[in-house]
Protein backbone atom coordinates (compact mmCIF):
# COMPACT_ATOMS: atom_id res chain seq x y z
CA UNK A 1 5.37 -16.73 -2.41
CA UNK A 2 2.27 -15.14 -0.95
CA UNK A 3 -0.93 -16.94 -1.84
CA UNK A 4 -3.60 -15.21 0.21
CA UNK A 5 -6.16 -13.16 -1.63
CA UNK A 6 -5.48 -9.63 -0.38
CA UNK A 7 -7.36 -8.17 -3.33
CA UNK A 8 -10.75 -9.78 -2.67
CA UNK A 9 -12.43 -6.36 -2.66
CA UNK A 10 -11.15 -5.41 -6.11
CA UNK A 11 -12.93 -6.27 -9.36
CA UNK A 12 -12.43 -9.96 -10.25
CA UNK A 13 -10.28 -9.32 -13.34
CA UNK A 14 -8.06 -6.86 -11.51
CA UNK A 15 -7.86 -9.23 -8.55
CA UNK A 16 -6.46 -11.95 -10.80
CA UNK A 17 -3.98 -9.47 -12.29
CA UNK A 18 -2.71 -8.34 -8.88
CA UNK A 19 -2.64 -11.80 -7.32
CA UNK A 20 -0.57 -13.16 -10.20
CA UNK A 21 1.86 -10.22 -9.98
CA UNK A 22 2.18 -10.67 -6.22
CA UNK A 23 2.88 -14.38 -6.61
CA UNK A 24 5.50 -13.61 -9.26
CA UNK A 25 7.18 -10.47 -7.86
CA UNK A 26 6.70 -10.24 -4.09
CA UNK A 27 8.76 -12.42 -1.72
CA UNK A 28 7.26 -14.00 1.41
CA UNK A 29 9.21 -11.51 3.52
CA UNK A 30 11.28 -8.42 2.90
CA UNK A 31 11.36 -5.95 0.07
CA UNK A 32 10.78 -6.98 -3.54
CA UNK A 33 13.70 -7.22 -5.94
CA UNK A 34 12.07 -4.95 -8.54
CA UNK A 35 10.29 -1.61 -8.35
CA UNK A 36 7.14 -3.18 -9.85
CA UNK A 37 7.19 -5.83 -7.13
CA UNK A 38 7.59 -3.23 -4.40
CA UNK A 39 4.72 -1.20 -5.87
CA UNK A 40 2.50 -4.29 -5.62
CA UNK A 41 3.80 -4.97 -2.10
CA UNK A 42 3.06 -1.39 -1.00
CA UNK A 43 -0.44 -1.43 -2.47
CA UNK A 44 -1.06 -4.86 -0.96
CA UNK A 45 -0.07 -3.50 2.46
CA UNK A 46 -2.52 -0.60 2.28
CA UNK A 47 -5.40 -2.86 1.27
CA UNK A 48 -4.53 -5.54 3.83
CA UNK A 49 -4.16 -3.08 6.72
CA UNK A 50 -7.51 -1.43 6.00
CA UNK A 51 -9.59 -4.56 5.42
CA UNK A 52 -8.04 -6.58 8.24
CA UNK A 53 -7.38 -3.96 10.92
CA UNK A 54 -9.10 -0.76 9.78
CA UNK A 55 -5.77 1.10 9.50
CA UNK A 56 -5.83 4.19 7.30
CA UNK A 57 -3.05 6.46 6.04
CA UNK A 58 -2.39 9.30 8.47
CA UNK A 59 -4.68 8.02 11.23
CA UNK A 60 -3.73 6.41 14.54
CA UNK A 61 -1.82 3.16 14.15
CA UNK A 62 -2.12 3.62 10.37
CA UNK A 63 0.66 6.20 10.71
CA UNK A 64 2.99 3.31 11.51
CA UNK A 65 1.48 0.61 9.30
CA UNK A 66 0.36 2.54 6.20
CA UNK A 67 2.20 5.83 5.81
CA UNK A 68 5.47 4.37 4.52
CA UNK A 69 3.73 2.27 1.85
CA UNK A 70 1.71 5.27 0.73
CA UNK A 71 4.83 7.46 0.70
CA UNK A 72 6.62 4.85 -1.46
CA UNK A 73 3.78 4.75 -3.99
CA UNK A 74 3.40 8.52 -4.07
CA UNK A 75 7.15 8.97 -4.52
CA UNK A 76 7.16 6.78 -7.61
CA UNK A 77 3.73 7.44 -9.11
CA UNK A 78 3.45 11.13 -8.14
CA UNK A 79 0.16 12.56 -9.47
CA UNK A 80 -1.03 9.11 -10.58
CA UNK A 81 -1.31 8.14 -6.90
CA UNK A 82 -4.63 9.26 -5.35
CA UNK A 83 -4.52 11.19 -2.08
CA UNK A 84 -5.52 8.70 0.64
CA UNK A 85 -5.57 11.24 3.47
CA UNK A 86 -9.22 11.27 4.56
CA UNK A 87 -11.26 10.54 7.68
CA UNK A 88 -14.23 9.27 5.64
CA UNK A 89 -14.11 5.46 5.50
CA UNK A 90 -16.46 5.21 2.50
CA UNK A 91 -14.24 7.61 0.59
CA UNK A 92 -11.13 5.71 1.70
CA UNK A 93 -12.54 2.49 0.21
CA UNK A 94 -13.21 4.28 -3.07
CA UNK A 95 -9.70 5.72 -3.01
CA UNK A 96 -8.17 2.26 -2.42
CA UNK A 97 -10.02 1.01 -5.49
CA UNK A 98 -8.83 4.05 -7.45
CA UNK A 99 -5.31 3.30 -6.25
CA UNK A 100 -5.61 -0.25 -7.63
CA UNK A 101 -6.72 1.13 -11.00
CA UNK A 102 -3.92 3.70 -10.94
CA UNK A 103 -1.27 1.10 -10.05
CA UNK A 104 -2.42 -1.19 -12.86
CA UNK A 105 -2.35 1.69 -15.38
CA UNK A 106 1.00 2.90 -14.06
CA UNK A 107 2.61 -0.54 -14.33
CA UNK A 108 1.18 -1.11 -17.81
CA UNK A 109 2.54 2.29 -18.88
CA UNK A 110 5.98 1.66 -17.33
CA UNK A 111 6.99 -1.93 -18.19
CA UNK A 112 10.64 -1.17 -17.41
CA UNK A 113 9.71 -1.20 -13.69
CA UNK A 114 9.37 -4.99 -13.89
CA UNK A 115 13.15 -5.18 -14.43
CA UNK A 116 14.28 -2.09 -12.52
CA UNK A 117 16.06 -3.06 -9.29
CA UNK A 118 14.39 -1.92 -6.08
CA UNK A 119 16.55 -0.58 -3.25
CA UNK A 120 13.80 0.58 -0.86
CA UNK A 121 11.54 -1.14 1.65
CA UNK A 122 8.06 0.38 1.39
CA UNK A 123 7.20 -0.84 4.88
CA UNK A 124 9.84 1.04 6.85
CA UNK A 125 8.13 3.78 8.87
CA UNK A 126 9.94 7.01 9.68
CA UNK A 127 10.42 8.18 13.24
CA UNK A 128 7.72 10.78 12.55
CA UNK A 129 5.29 7.97 11.59
CA UNK A 130 6.12 6.07 14.79
CA UNK A 131 5.73 9.19 16.93
CA UNK A 132 2.35 10.00 15.35
CA UNK A 133 1.13 6.42 15.91
CA UNK A 134 2.31 6.45 19.53
CA UNK A 135 0.84 9.89 20.18
CA UNK A 136 -2.55 8.75 18.92
CA UNK A 137 -2.46 5.58 21.02
CA UNK A 138 -1.56 7.64 24.10
CA UNK A 139 -4.45 10.05 23.45
CA UNK A 140 -6.92 7.15 23.18
CA UNK A 141 -5.68 5.73 26.51
CA UNK A 142 -6.41 9.03 28.26
CA UNK A 143 -10.12 8.86 27.53
């Protein structure tokens, strides 16, 4: 089980909530067995990638590392998932915190997701994601 504190930037009470869910539902590697676990895994990925590497949804290497997790969350949560596509880092941080609130509310409102089998891996990028990440890296090398 994962034990690192990926949610250090989230309010203390929420951090405890998410860390306990991650420890319970998210395996050390590979997709989670339940939809709730994969939701936590996807959110965890977005927060980790931003705070450790600066990756953002839809930007540069974030296309490869973040887009699939965001797509997974948006596909399940729909309108409850905030739009993370922005170039403003201060706004992105606020949106990540809003995402954490939205995920907590969504999971509390949908307890069946804790038992619903998960068949998807939220970290599998599409070819389009990979192409966008590679295109951005190539553009940066030109300058």
